[in-house]
Amino acid sequence: MKRRSMFTVGKNKGVASSVHRKPLQHMVQRRLRELKEIVPDAHEDNVDVLLRKTAEYICILELKVAVLRKLAAIYGA
C-alpha cells in the first residue's frame, strides 16, 4: 500500500490562488460600477448601501410594471 504525502508539490487544488482572485475582483468591481450608473442616487455609496438601494430600486420598478399592466388591462392596450 502506497502512502500519500501530507504535502503537495505544484498546484494547490481547492485553494484559490491570487491569480484566480484578481479576475473575480475585477469582475465584481466592474459590475459594481455598472450598478452605480443604473441605480439612481448611488454614485458615491459603499457596497452595502449600493446593494440596499439596488434592492429598493428593483422593488420600485416591479411596482411600476404592475401598475402599468393594470392600466393596460383597464384601457385595453
N, C-alpha and C. Protein backbone atom coordinates (compact mmCIF):
# COMPACT_ATOMS: atom_id res chain seq x y z
N MET A 1 0.83 -1.18 0.00
CA MET A 1 0.00 0.00 0.00
C MET A 1 0.88 1.25 0.00
N LYS A 2 0.59 2.15 -0.91
CA LYS A 2 1.40 3.35 -1.06
C LYS A 2 0.87 4.45 -0.13
N ARG A 3 1.76 5.08 0.61
CA ARG A 3 1.36 6.18 1.49
C ARG A 3 1.25 7.46 0.70
N ARG A 4 0.26 8.25 1.07
CA ARG A 4 0.10 9.56 0.44
C ARG A 4 0.85 10.59 1.24
N SER A 5 1.45 11.51 0.58
CA SER A 5 2.21 12.56 1.24
C SER A 5 1.26 13.59 1.84
N MET A 6 1.64 14.16 2.96
CA MET A 6 0.84 15.21 3.58
C MET A 6 1.00 16.53 2.85
N PHE A 7 2.05 16.66 2.08
CA PHE A 7 2.33 17.90 1.38
C PHE A 7 2.23 17.67 -0.11
N THR A 8 1.73 18.68 -0.82
CA THR A 8 1.63 18.56 -2.26
C THR A 8 2.65 19.48 -2.91
N VAL A 9 3.10 19.05 -4.03
CA VAL A 9 4.05 19.85 -4.79
C VAL A 9 3.36 20.30 -6.06
N GLY A 10 3.51 21.56 -6.38
CA GLY A 10 2.89 22.08 -7.60
C GLY A 10 1.62 22.84 -7.27
N LYS A 11 0.58 22.61 -8.07
CA LYS A 11 -0.68 23.34 -7.92
C LYS A 11 -1.40 22.91 -6.66
N ASN A 12 -1.96 23.90 -5.97
CA ASN A 12 -2.80 23.62 -4.81
C ASN A 12 -4.24 23.50 -5.27
N LYS A 13 -4.79 22.33 -5.20
CA LYS A 13 -6.17 22.13 -5.63
C LYS A 13 -7.09 22.47 -4.47
N GLY A 14 -8.16 23.19 -4.77
CA GLY A 14 -9.12 23.54 -3.74
C GLY A 14 -8.80 24.85 -3.05
N VAL A 15 -7.66 25.43 -3.30
CA VAL A 15 -7.29 26.70 -2.68
C VAL A 15 -7.21 27.75 -3.78
N ALA A 16 -7.96 28.83 -3.60
CA ALA A 16 -7.95 29.89 -4.60
C ALA A 16 -6.65 30.66 -4.50
N SER A 17 -5.92 30.72 -5.56
CA SER A 17 -4.68 31.48 -5.56
C SER A 17 -4.95 32.91 -5.94
N SER A 18 -3.96 33.76 -5.73
CA SER A 18 -4.15 35.18 -6.05
C SER A 18 -4.33 35.39 -7.55
N VAL A 19 -3.85 34.44 -8.35
CA VAL A 19 -4.03 34.55 -9.80
C VAL A 19 -5.50 34.44 -10.16
N HIS A 20 -6.24 33.56 -9.46
CA HIS A 20 -7.65 33.37 -9.76
C HIS A 20 -8.52 34.44 -9.13
N ARG A 21 -8.06 35.05 -8.06
CA ARG A 21 -8.86 36.06 -7.38
C ARG A 21 -8.93 37.36 -8.16
N LYS A 22 -7.86 37.74 -8.81
CA LYS A 22 -7.83 39.03 -9.49
C LYS A 22 -8.91 39.17 -10.55
N PRO A 23 -9.10 38.20 -11.45
CA PRO A 23 -10.18 38.36 -12.42
C PRO A 23 -11.55 38.47 -11.75
N LEU A 24 -11.75 37.74 -10.67
CA LEU A 24 -13.02 37.80 -9.95
C LEU A 24 -13.20 39.18 -9.33
N GLN A 25 -12.16 39.72 -8.73
CA GLN A 25 -12.24 41.05 -8.14
C GLN A 25 -12.52 42.10 -9.20
N HIS A 26 -11.88 41.98 -10.35
CA HIS A 26 -12.11 42.93 -11.44
C HIS A 26 -13.55 42.84 -11.93
N MET A 27 -14.07 41.62 -12.03
CA MET A 27 -15.44 41.43 -12.49
C MET A 27 -16.43 42.05 -11.49
N VAL A 28 -16.19 41.84 -10.20
CA VAL A 28 -17.07 42.40 -9.18
C VAL A 28 -17.01 43.93 -9.20
N GLN A 29 -15.81 44.48 -9.30
CA GLN A 29 -15.67 45.94 -9.35
C GLN A 29 -16.36 46.52 -10.58
N ARG A 30 -16.24 45.84 -11.72
CA ARG A 30 -16.89 46.31 -12.94
C ARG A 30 -18.41 46.30 -12.79
N ARG A 31 -18.93 45.25 -12.20
CA ARG A 31 -20.38 45.16 -12.02
C ARG A 31 -20.89 46.16 -11.00
N LEU A 32 -20.10 46.45 -9.99
CA LEU A 32 -20.49 47.49 -9.03
C LEU A 32 -20.52 48.86 -9.70
N ARG A 33 -19.55 49.12 -10.57
CA ARG A 33 -19.56 50.39 -11.33
C ARG A 33 -20.80 50.49 -12.20
N GLU A 34 -21.18 49.38 -12.85
CA GLU A 34 -22.38 49.37 -13.68
C GLU A 34 -23.62 49.63 -12.85
N LEU A 35 -23.69 49.03 -11.66
CA LEU A 35 -24.84 49.27 -10.78
C LEU A 35 -24.92 50.74 -10.38
N LYS A 36 -23.76 51.34 -10.09
CA LYS A 36 -23.74 52.74 -9.70
C LYS A 36 -24.27 53.64 -10.81
N GLU A 37 -24.09 53.23 -12.06
CA GLU A 37 -24.59 54.01 -13.19
C GLU A 37 -26.10 53.81 -13.37
N ILE A 38 -26.60 52.65 -13.04
CA ILE A 38 -28.01 52.33 -13.27
C ILE A 38 -28.91 52.82 -12.15
N VAL A 39 -28.50 52.58 -10.90
CA VAL A 39 -29.34 52.88 -9.74
C VAL A 39 -29.25 54.38 -9.44
N PRO A 40 -30.40 55.06 -9.32
CA PRO A 40 -30.39 56.49 -9.03
C PRO A 40 -29.82 56.78 -7.64
N ASP A 41 -29.11 57.88 -7.51
CA ASP A 41 -28.54 58.35 -6.25
C ASP A 41 -27.63 57.34 -5.57
N ALA A 42 -26.88 56.58 -6.34
CA ALA A 42 -25.97 55.59 -5.76
C ALA A 42 -24.55 55.75 -6.28
N HIS A 43 -24.16 56.96 -6.58
CA HIS A 43 -22.85 57.17 -7.22
C HIS A 43 -21.68 57.07 -6.25
N GLU A 44 -21.83 57.53 -5.02
CA GLU A 44 -20.70 57.57 -4.10
C GLU A 44 -20.90 56.68 -2.88
N ASP A 45 -21.81 55.72 -2.93
CA ASP A 45 -22.12 54.89 -1.77
C ASP A 45 -21.18 53.69 -1.68
N ASN A 46 -21.08 53.14 -0.46
CA ASN A 46 -20.31 51.92 -0.29
C ASN A 46 -21.14 50.73 -0.77
N VAL A 47 -20.57 49.55 -0.73
CA VAL A 47 -21.21 48.36 -1.31
C VAL A 47 -22.52 48.02 -0.60
N ASP A 48 -22.53 48.10 0.74
CA ASP A 48 -23.75 47.76 1.48
C ASP A 48 -24.91 48.67 1.10
N VAL A 49 -24.63 49.95 1.07
CA VAL A 49 -25.68 50.92 0.73
C VAL A 49 -26.09 50.76 -0.73
N LEU A 50 -25.13 50.50 -1.60
CA LEU A 50 -25.42 50.30 -3.02
C LEU A 50 -26.36 49.11 -3.22
N LEU A 51 -26.08 48.00 -2.53
CA LEU A 51 -26.93 46.82 -2.68
C LEU A 51 -28.32 47.06 -2.10
N ARG A 52 -28.41 47.78 -0.99
CA ARG A 52 -29.72 48.10 -0.43
C ARG A 52 -30.51 48.99 -1.38
N LYS A 53 -29.86 50.02 -1.93
CA LYS A 53 -30.54 50.90 -2.89
C LYS A 53 -30.94 50.15 -4.15
N THR A 54 -30.11 49.20 -4.56
CA THR A 54 -30.44 48.39 -5.73
C THR A 54 -31.69 47.56 -5.47
N ALA A 55 -31.78 46.95 -4.29
CA ALA A 55 -32.96 46.15 -3.94
C ALA A 55 -34.21 47.04 -3.91
N GLU A 56 -34.09 48.23 -3.34
CA GLU A 56 -35.22 49.16 -3.29
C GLU A 56 -35.64 49.58 -4.70
N TYR A 57 -34.65 49.83 -5.55
CA TYR A 57 -34.93 50.25 -6.92
C TYR A 57 -35.64 49.14 -7.69
N ILE A 58 -35.22 47.89 -7.46
CA ILE A 58 -35.89 46.76 -8.11
C ILE A 58 -37.35 46.68 -7.68
N CYS A 59 -37.60 46.88 -6.39
CA CYS A 59 -38.98 46.86 -5.89
C CYS A 59 -39.81 47.98 -6.53
N ILE A 60 -39.23 49.15 -6.65
CA ILE A 60 -39.93 50.28 -7.27
C ILE A 60 -40.25 49.96 -8.73
N LEU A 61 -39.29 49.40 -9.45
CA LEU A 61 -39.52 49.06 -10.85
C LEU A 61 -40.60 47.98 -10.99
N GLU A 62 -40.58 46.99 -10.10
CA GLU A 62 -41.62 45.95 -10.14
C GLU A 62 -43.00 46.54 -9.88
N LEU A 63 -43.09 47.49 -8.97
CA LEU A 63 -44.35 48.15 -8.67
C LEU A 63 -44.83 48.95 -9.89
N LYS A 64 -43.92 49.66 -10.55
CA LYS A 64 -44.29 50.41 -11.75
C LYS A 64 -44.80 49.50 -12.85
N VAL A 65 -44.15 48.36 -13.03
CA VAL A 65 -44.59 47.41 -14.05
C VAL A 65 -45.99 46.89 -13.72
N ALA A 66 -46.23 46.59 -12.45
CA ALA A 66 -47.55 46.09 -12.04
C ALA A 66 -48.63 47.14 -12.31
N VAL A 67 -48.34 48.40 -11.99
CA VAL A 67 -49.31 49.48 -12.22
C VAL A 67 -49.56 49.65 -13.72
N LEU A 68 -48.52 49.62 -14.51
CA LEU A 68 -48.69 49.78 -15.96
C LEU A 68 -49.47 48.61 -16.56
N ARG A 69 -49.27 47.39 -16.05
CA ARG A 69 -50.03 46.25 -16.53
C ARG A 69 -51.51 46.40 -16.19
N LYS A 70 -51.80 46.89 -14.99
CA LYS A 70 -53.20 47.11 -14.59
C LYS A 70 -53.83 48.17 -15.48
N LEU A 71 -53.10 49.25 -15.73
CA LEU A 71 -53.63 50.31 -16.59
C LEU A 71 -53.87 49.80 -18.00
N ALA A 72 -52.95 48.98 -18.50
CA ALA A 72 -53.11 48.42 -19.83
C ALA A 72 -54.32 47.49 -19.88
N ALA A 73 -54.56 46.75 -18.80
CA ALA A 73 -55.73 45.86 -18.77
C ALA A 73 -57.03 46.66 -18.72
N ILE A 74 -57.00 47.76 -18.00
CA ILE A 74 -58.21 48.60 -17.89
C ILE A 74 -58.52 49.28 -19.22
N TYR A 75 -57.51 49.84 -19.85
CA TYR A 75 -57.73 50.62 -21.06
C TYR A 75 -57.57 49.80 -22.34
N GLY A 76 -57.32 48.51 -22.21
CA GLY A 76 -57.29 47.63 -23.36
C GLY A 76 -56.12 47.82 -24.31
N ALA A 77 -55.01 48.17 -23.79
CA ALA A 77 -53.84 48.38 -24.66
C ALA A 77 -53.11 47.08 -24.90
